Amino acid sequence: MVVSLGYRKHGFDAFGGEILRKEDIVHWEEERRADPQGVALGLGEEIREVEPDFFELLPTISSVWIQNPECDLHMTEKTAELFRKNNVILRGVYDTTAERLARKYHLRFLHLDVKLTSVGDYFEHGVDIITVRFREDGRAYIHQDCQCQGSAPGQTGGGENSFDIPKDFYLSMTSEELAEKCWCTKAIIAGGVLDAFMKKAKSKGGFLLDFTEPDKS
């Protein structure tokens, strides 16, 4: 198991194994594991369980990004209390571990980023990757990334840009209207991922779900 500094998060990413144990992160200095600004933890898609009371080593945990839809966090009462105290956000996909745990333990759920399409060839003129991303404050934006080879061995080229979209885009826009604002419009529409996500978000009541009050679960 590898635990590295997080990508696009203030904290850590864990990957490369099936079970995340305390011994995998204890070597990181306490000032990083207990950062007063909060610590996010990303769990790779191959991780199927987290050792009980693992989060004792992350007392300022603020969010957990769960790639594996069936990952078992072994939520002890101590862990649940810590998560509620820190107002932790569980990030995942609808109807998976992240949403189920958020409902059960009265936490917040935020959907993971959704890849809408990938078009092209990295080695020939590049590949365009379009993603809808979500922030913890309830905002959403489109990220567009063109990745290609650079002009010399070992280099990469391309470019990227982002633009904000309405918080209620799944209600106030059609998938076609949003796709038309993006690169690769035809591929996004044909792929159907955006349309399916927007319909699911509408049925769920959003991409940021707050279950902190018992009557919201």
C-alpha atoms as a PDB file:
ATOM      1  CA  MET A   1       0.000   0.000   0.000  1.00  0.00           C
ATOM      2  CA  VAL A   2       1.245   3.481  -0.883  1.00  0.00           C
ATOM      3  CA  VAL A   3       0.107   6.647   0.908  1.00  0.00           C
ATOM      4  CA  SER A   4       1.232   9.823  -0.831  1.00  0.00           C
ATOM      5  CA  LEU A   5       0.376  13.501  -0.644  1.00  0.00           C
ATOM      6  CA  GLY A   6      -3.031  14.065  -2.191  1.00  0.00           C
ATOM      7  CA  TYR A   7      -3.794  15.096  -5.748  1.00  0.00           C
ATOM      8  CA  ARG A   8      -6.304  17.995  -5.850  1.00  0.00           C
ATOM      9  CA  LYS A   9      -6.860  17.627  -2.129  1.00  0.00           C
ATOM     10  CA  HIS A  10      -5.243  18.832   1.093  1.00  0.00           C
ATOM     11  CA  GLY A  11      -4.217  15.504   2.564  1.00  0.00           C
ATOM     12  CA  PHE A  12      -3.334  12.047   1.273  1.00  0.00           C
ATOM     13  CA  ASP A  13      -4.067   9.488  -1.430  1.00  0.00           C
ATOM     14  CA  ALA A  14      -3.897   5.755  -0.673  1.00  0.00           C
ATOM     15  CA  PHE A  15      -3.522   3.195  -3.456  1.00  0.00           C
ATOM     16  CA  GLY A  16      -1.785  -0.005  -4.503  1.00  0.00           C
ATOM     17  CA  GLY A  17      -3.410  -2.523  -2.144  1.00  0.00           C
ATOM     18  CA  GLU A  18      -6.725  -3.918  -0.924  1.00  0.00           C
ATOM     19  CA  ILE A  19      -6.581  -3.126   2.801  1.00  0.00           C
ATOM     20  CA  LEU A  20      -5.507   0.226   4.238  1.00  0.00           C
ATOM     21  CA  ARG A  21      -3.902  -0.180   7.660  1.00  0.00           C
ATOM     22  CA  LYS A  22      -2.609   2.198  10.298  1.00  0.00           C
ATOM     23  CA  GLU A  23       0.937   1.112   9.566  1.00  0.00           C
ATOM     24  CA  ASP A  24       0.565   2.472   6.023  1.00  0.00           C
ATOM     25  CA  ILE A  25       0.215   6.068   7.188  1.00  0.00           C
ATOM     26  CA  VAL A  26       1.819   6.230  10.618  1.00  0.00           C
ATOM     27  CA  HIS A  27       5.209   7.155   9.107  1.00  0.00           C
ATOM     28  CA  TRP A  28       3.829  10.515   8.012  1.00  0.00           C
ATOM     29  CA  GLU A  29       4.628  13.197  10.578  1.00  0.00           C
ATOM     30  CA  GLU A  30       1.820  14.073  12.960  1.00  0.00           C
ATOM     31  CA  GLU A  31       1.742  17.704  11.848  1.00  0.00           C
ATOM     32  CA  ARG A  32       0.541  16.529   8.432  1.00  0.00           C
ATOM     33  CA  ARG A  33      -1.829  13.870   9.763  1.00  0.00           C
ATOM     34  CA  ALA A  34      -3.390  16.343  12.210  1.00  0.00           C
ATOM     35  CA  ASP A  35      -3.277  19.498  10.111  1.00  0.00           C
ATOM     36  CA  PRO A  36      -5.650  22.025  11.717  1.00  0.00           C
ATOM     37  CA  GLN A  37      -6.823  23.071   8.234  1.00  0.00           C
ATOM     38  CA  GLY A  38      -8.331  19.600   7.825  1.00  0.00           C
ATOM     39  CA  VAL A  39      -7.137  16.450   6.083  1.00  0.00           C
ATOM     40  CA  ALA A  40      -8.711  14.796   3.051  1.00  0.00           C
ATOM     41  CA  LEU A  41      -8.103  11.123   2.281  1.00  0.00           C
ATOM     42  CA  GLY A  42      -8.466   9.589  -1.160  1.00  0.00           C
ATOM     43  CA  LEU A  43      -9.017   5.830  -1.379  1.00  0.00           C
ATOM     44  CA  GLY A  44      -8.033   4.173  -4.666  1.00  0.00           C
ATOM     45  CA  GLU A  45     -10.518   1.981  -6.497  1.00  0.00           C
ATOM     46  CA  GLU A  46      -8.619  -1.188  -5.541  1.00  0.00           C
ATOM     47  CA  ILE A  47      -9.013  -0.544  -1.794  1.00  0.00           C
ATOM     48  CA  ARG A  48     -11.830  -2.727  -0.470  1.00  0.00           C
ATOM     49  CA  GLU A  49     -11.509  -2.015   3.254  1.00  0.00           C
ATOM     50  CA  VAL A  50      -9.969   0.291   5.836  1.00  0.00           C
ATOM     51  CA  GLU A  51      -8.678  -1.079   9.120  1.00  0.00           C
ATOM     52  CA  PRO A  52     -10.993  -0.394  12.102  1.00  0.00           C
ATOM     53  CA  ASP A  53     -10.142   2.856  13.936  1.00  0.00           C
ATOM     54  CA  PHE A  54      -7.686   3.814  11.180  1.00  0.00           C
ATOM     55  CA  PHE A  55      -8.980   7.373  11.381  1.00  0.00           C
ATOM     56  CA  GLU A  56      -7.622   7.765  14.921  1.00  0.00           C
ATOM     57  CA  LEU A  57      -4.412   8.735  13.127  1.00  0.00           C
ATOM     58  CA  LEU A  58      -6.237  11.495  11.223  1.00  0.00           C
ATOM     59  CA  PRO A  59      -7.927  13.494  14.003  1.00  0.00           C
ATOM     60  CA  THR A  60      -8.712  16.439  11.699  1.00  0.00           C
ATOM     61  CA  ILE A  61     -10.138  14.333   8.856  1.00  0.00           C
ATOM     62  CA  SER A  62     -12.429  16.518   6.736  1.00  0.00           C
ATOM     63  CA  SER A  63     -13.335  14.385   3.707  1.00  0.00           C
ATOM     64  CA  VAL A  64     -12.950  10.839   2.390  1.00  0.00           C
ATOM     65  CA  TRP A  65     -12.931  10.213  -1.375  1.00  0.00           C
ATOM     66  CA  ILE A  66     -14.130   6.639  -1.975  1.00  0.00           C
ATOM     67  CA  GLN A  67     -13.442   5.235  -5.448  1.00  0.00           C
ATOM     68  CA  ASN A  68     -14.470   1.629  -4.741  1.00  0.00           C
ATOM     69  CA  PRO A  69     -18.292   1.515  -4.550  1.00  0.00           C
ATOM     70  CA  GLU A  70     -18.205  -1.327  -1.998  1.00  0.00           C
ATOM     71  CA  CYS A  71     -15.265  -0.198   0.140  1.00  0.00           C
ATOM     72  CA  ASP A  72     -15.781  -1.020   3.836  1.00  0.00           C
ATOM     73  CA  LEU A  73     -14.647   1.783   6.162  1.00  0.00           C
ATOM     74  CA  HIS A  74     -15.369  -0.321   9.273  1.00  0.00           C
ATOM     75  CA  MET A  75     -17.286   2.515  10.891  1.00  0.00           C
ATOM     76  CA  THR A  76     -16.845   2.015  14.613  1.00  0.00           C
ATOM     77  CA  GLU A  77     -18.749   4.308  16.954  1.00  0.00           C
ATOM     78  CA  LYS A  78     -15.499   6.123  17.670  1.00  0.00           C
ATOM     79  CA  THR A  79     -14.983   6.776  13.958  1.00  0.00           C
ATOM     80  CA  ALA A  80     -18.597   7.871  13.506  1.00  0.00           C
ATOM     81  CA  GLU A  81     -18.258  10.330  16.392  1.00  0.00           C
ATOM     82  CA  LEU A  82     -15.066  11.755  14.890  1.00  0.00           C
ATOM     83  CA  PHE A  83     -16.711  12.135  11.479  1.00  0.00           C
ATOM     84  CA  ARG A  84     -19.735  13.907  12.954  1.00  0.00           C
ATOM     85  CA  LYS A  85     -17.552  16.167  15.094  1.00  0.00           C
ATOM     86  CA  ASN A  86     -15.505  17.203  12.044  1.00  0.00           C
ATOM     87  CA  ASN A  87     -18.537  17.470   9.736  1.00  0.00           C
ATOM     88  CA  VAL A  88     -16.799  15.077   7.340  1.00  0.00           C
ATOM     89  CA  ILE A  89     -17.885  14.861   3.723  1.00  0.00           C
ATOM     90  CA  LEU A  90     -17.966  11.405   2.131  1.00  0.00           C
ATOM     91  CA  ARG A  91     -17.273  11.581  -1.593  1.00  0.00           C
ATOM     92  CA  GLY A  92     -18.400   8.786  -3.876  1.00  0.00           C
ATOM     93  CA  VAL A  93     -21.039   7.744  -6.397  1.00  0.00           C
ATOM     94  CA  TYR A  94     -24.784   7.596  -5.809  1.00  0.00           C
ATOM     95  CA  ASP A  95     -26.129   4.403  -4.192  1.00  0.00           C
ATOM     96  CA  THR A  96     -22.707   3.172  -3.054  1.00  0.00           C
ATOM     97  CA  THR A  97     -20.813   2.993   0.250  1.00  0.00           C
ATOM     98  CA  ALA A  98     -20.288   6.762   0.426  1.00  0.00           C
ATOM     99  CA  GLU A  99     -23.973   7.665   0.188  1.00  0.00           C
ATOM    100  CA  ARG A 100     -25.107   4.764   2.381  1.00  0.00           C
ATOM    101  CA  LEU A 101     -22.695   5.702   5.179  1.00  0.00           C
ATOM    102  CA  ALA A 102     -23.588   9.385   4.922  1.00  0.00           C
ATOM    103  CA  ARG A 103     -27.269   8.505   5.357  1.00  0.00           C
ATOM    104  CA  LYS A 104     -26.690   6.056   8.196  1.00  0.00           C
ATOM    105  CA  TYR A 105     -24.316   8.219  10.251  1.00  0.00           C
ATOM    106  CA  HIS A 106     -25.859  11.635   9.454  1.00  0.00           C
ATOM    107  CA  LEU A 107     -22.988  13.031   7.425  1.00  0.00           C
ATOM    108  CA  ARG A 108     -22.708  14.896   4.124  1.00  0.00           C
ATOM    109  CA  PHE A 109     -22.305  13.237   0.735  1.00  0.00           C
ATOM    110  CA  LEU A 110     -20.656  14.842  -2.289  1.00  0.00           C
ATOM    111  CA  HIS A 111     -20.537  13.103  -5.635  1.00  0.00           C
ATOM    112  CA  LEU A 112     -17.145  12.348  -7.127  1.00  0.00           C
ATOM    113  CA  ASP A 113     -16.144  14.096 -10.344  1.00  0.00           C
ATOM    114  CA  VAL A 114     -17.884  12.709 -13.424  1.00  0.00           C
ATOM    115  CA  LYS A 115     -15.873  12.061 -16.586  1.00  0.00           C
ATOM    116  CA  LEU A 116     -18.172  12.970 -19.481  1.00  0.00           C
ATOM    117  CA  THR A 117     -16.023  11.874 -22.401  1.00  0.00           C
ATOM    118  CA  SER A 118     -12.505  11.252 -23.662  1.00  0.00           C
ATOM    119  CA  VAL A 119     -11.863  11.870 -27.350  1.00  0.00           C
ATOM    120  CA  GLY A 120      -8.724  11.458 -29.442  1.00  0.00           C
ATOM    121  CA  ASP A 121      -5.334   9.795 -29.187  1.00  0.00           C
ATOM    122  CA  TYR A 122      -2.590  10.999 -26.872  1.00  0.00           C
ATOM    123  CA  PHE A 123       0.077  10.153 -29.441  1.00  0.00           C
ATOM    124  CA  GLU A 124      -1.736  11.696 -32.404  1.00  0.00           C
ATOM    125  CA  HIS A 125      -2.909  15.266 -31.913  1.00  0.00           C
ATOM    126  CA  GLY A 126      -3.806  14.618 -28.266  1.00  0.00           C
ATOM    127  CA  VAL A 127      -6.792  13.475 -26.242  1.00  0.00           C
ATOM    128  CA  ASP A 128      -9.511  15.753 -24.865  1.00  0.00           C
ATOM    129  CA  ILE A 129     -10.937  14.809 -21.456  1.00  0.00           C
ATOM    130  CA  ILE A 130     -14.069  16.588 -20.265  1.00  0.00           C
ATOM    131  CA  THR A 131     -15.133  16.312 -16.611  1.00  0.00           C
ATOM    132  CA  VAL A 132     -17.749  17.889 -14.393  1.00  0.00           C
ATOM    133  CA  ARG A 133     -16.250  18.594 -10.986  1.00  0.00           C
ATOM    134  CA  PHE A 134     -17.879  19.452  -7.677  1.00  0.00           C
ATOM    135  CA  ARG A 135     -16.677  21.625  -4.811  1.00  0.00           C
ATOM    136  CA  GLU A 136     -17.498  21.106  -1.151  1.00  0.00           C
ATOM    137  CA  ASP A 137     -19.345  24.441  -1.003  1.00  0.00           C
ATOM    138  CA  GLY A 138     -21.892  23.147  -3.500  1.00  0.00           C
ATOM    139  CA  ARG A 139     -20.479  24.748  -6.641  1.00  0.00           C
ATOM    140  CA  ALA A 140     -19.840  22.871  -9.873  1.00  0.00           C
ATOM    141  CA  TYR A 141     -17.639  23.473 -12.884  1.00  0.00           C
ATOM    142  CA  ILE A 142     -16.561  21.909 -16.159  1.00  0.00           C
ATOM    143  CA  HIS A 143     -12.889  20.991 -16.531  1.00  0.00           C
ATOM    144  CA  GLN A 144     -11.500  20.485 -20.038  1.00  0.00           C
ATOM    145  CA  ASP A 145      -8.047  18.988 -20.479  1.00  0.00           C
ATOM    146  CA  CYS A 146      -6.154  18.377 -23.721  1.00  0.00           C
ATOM    147  CA  GLN A 147      -3.238  15.997 -23.190  1.00  0.00           C
ATOM    148  CA  CYS A 148      -0.656  15.280 -25.877  1.00  0.00           C
ATOM    149  CA  GLN A 149       3.021  14.574 -26.403  1.00  0.00           C
ATOM    150  CA  GLY A 150       5.434  17.441 -26.079  1.00  0.00           C
ATOM    151  CA  SER A 151       7.998  18.509 -28.628  1.00  0.00           C
ATOM    152  CA  ALA A 152      10.770  16.518 -26.950  1.00  0.00           C
ATOM    153  CA  PRO A 153      11.006  13.054 -25.315  1.00  0.00           C
ATOM    154  CA  GLY A 154       9.532  13.012 -21.827  1.00  0.00           C
ATOM    155  CA  GLN A 155       7.588  16.224 -22.335  1.00  0.00           C
ATOM    156  CA  THR A 156       3.823  16.630 -22.478  1.00  0.00           C
ATOM    157  CA  GLY A 157       1.840  19.277 -24.281  1.00  0.00           C
ATOM    158  CA  GLY A 158      -1.757  20.372 -24.558  1.00  0.00           C
ATOM    159  CA  GLY A 159      -3.694  22.719 -22.329  1.00  0.00           C
ATOM    160  CA  GLU A 160      -6.671  22.963 -20.018  1.00  0.00           C
ATOM    161  CA  ASN A 161      -9.418  25.313 -18.969  1.00  0.00           C
ATOM    162  CA  SER A 162     -12.417  25.386 -16.664  1.00  0.00           C
ATOM    163  CA  PHE A 163     -15.661  27.302 -16.355  1.00  0.00           C
ATOM    164  CA  ASP A 164     -18.323  27.469 -13.658  1.00  0.00           C
ATOM    165  CA  ILE A 165     -21.820  26.151 -14.236  1.00  0.00           C
ATOM    166  CA  PRO A 166     -25.011  26.836 -12.233  1.00  0.00           C
ATOM    167  CA  LYS A 167     -25.323  24.972  -8.938  1.00  0.00           C
ATOM    168  CA  ASP A 168     -28.685  23.699 -10.122  1.00  0.00           C
ATOM    169  CA  PHE A 169     -27.539  22.867 -13.659  1.00  0.00           C
ATOM    170  CA  TYR A 170     -29.287  19.488 -13.414  1.00  0.00           C
ATOM    171  CA  LEU A 171     -32.578  21.376 -13.014  1.00  0.00           C
ATOM    172  CA  SER A 172     -32.065  24.578 -14.984  1.00  0.00           C
ATOM    173  CA  MET A 173     -30.364  23.174 -18.091  1.00  0.00           C
ATOM    174  CA  THR A 174     -30.736  20.252 -20.459  1.00  0.00           C
ATOM    175  CA  SER A 175     -27.772  17.971 -21.028  1.00  0.00           C
ATOM    176  CA  GLU A 176     -27.612  19.212 -24.627  1.00  0.00           C
ATOM    177  CA  GLU A 177     -27.453  22.858 -23.503  1.00  0.00           C
ATOM    178  CA  LEU A 178     -24.564  22.101 -21.159  1.00  0.00           C
ATOM    179  CA  ALA A 179     -22.768  19.927 -23.712  1.00  0.00           C
ATOM    180  CA  GLU A 180     -22.892  22.760 -26.227  1.00  0.00           C
ATOM    181  CA  LYS A 181     -20.737  24.857 -23.905  1.00  0.00           C
ATOM    182  CA  CYS A 182     -18.006  22.203 -23.865  1.00  0.00           C
ATOM    183  CA  TRP A 183     -15.372  20.828 -26.174  1.00  0.00           C
ATOM    184  CA  CYS A 184     -16.414  17.538 -27.817  1.00  0.00           C
ATOM    185  CA  THR A 185     -20.119  18.431 -27.745  1.00  0.00           C
ATOM    186  CA  LYS A 186     -21.228  15.610 -30.041  1.00  0.00           C
ATOM    187  CA  ALA A 187     -19.252  12.988 -28.094  1.00  0.00           C
ATOM    188  CA  ILE A 188     -20.730  14.148 -24.782  1.00  0.00           C
ATOM    189  CA  ILE A 189     -24.272  13.965 -26.117  1.00  0.00           C
ATOM    190  CA  ALA A 190     -23.707  10.605 -27.823  1.00  0.00           C
ATOM    191  CA  GLY A 191     -22.070   9.078 -24.752  1.00  0.00           C
ATOM    192  CA  GLY A 192     -25.070   9.780 -22.544  1.00  0.00           C
ATOM    193  CA  VAL A 193     -23.077  10.061 -19.306  1.00  0.00           C
ATOM    194  CA  LEU A 194     -24.014  13.693 -18.697  1.00  0.00           C
ATOM    195  CA  ASP A 195     -27.700  13.101 -19.409  1.00  0.00           C
ATOM    196  CA  ALA A 196     -27.826  10.068 -17.098  1.00  0.00           C
ATOM    197  CA  PHE A 197     -26.030  11.923 -14.303  1.00  0.00           C
ATOM    198  CA  MET A 198     -28.311  14.955 -14.526  1.00  0.00           C
ATOM    199  CA  LYS A 199     -31.406  12.763 -14.316  1.00  0.00           C
ATOM    200  CA  LYS A 200     -29.975  10.945 -11.275  1.00  0.00           C
ATOM    201  CA  ALA A 201     -29.010  14.220  -9.593  1.00  0.00           C
ATOM    202  CA  LYS A 202     -32.531  15.519 -10.113  1.00  0.00           C
ATOM    203  CA  SER A 203     -34.042  12.405  -8.530  1.00  0.00           C
ATOM    204  CA  LYS A 204     -31.625  12.598  -5.585  1.00  0.00           C
ATOM    205  CA  GLY A 205     -32.049  16.307  -5.005  1.00  0.00           C
ATOM    206  CA  GLY A 206     -28.533  17.357  -5.958  1.00  0.00           C
ATOM    207  CA  PHE A 207     -24.907  16.280  -5.984  1.00  0.00           C
ATOM    208  CA  LEU A 208     -24.236  17.570  -2.435  1.00  0.00           C
ATOM    209  CA  LEU A 209     -26.564  15.795  -0.011  1.00  0.00           C
ATOM    210  CA  ASP A 210     -26.800  16.830   3.632  1.00  0.00           C
ATOM    211  CA  PHE A 211     -27.898  14.070   6.019  1.00  0.00           C
ATOM    212  CA  THR A 212     -26.607  15.760   9.188  1.00  0.00           C
ATOM    213  CA  GLU A 213     -30.158  16.068  10.524  1.00  0.00           C
ATOM    214  CA  PRO A 214     -31.846  12.692  11.249  1.00  0.00           C
ATOM    215  CA  ASP A 215     -34.999  13.645   9.342  1.00  0.00           C
ATOM    216  CA  LYS A 216     -32.905  14.115   6.174  1.00  0.00           C
ATOM    217  CA  SER A 217     -31.721  10.516   6.075  1.00  0.00           C
END
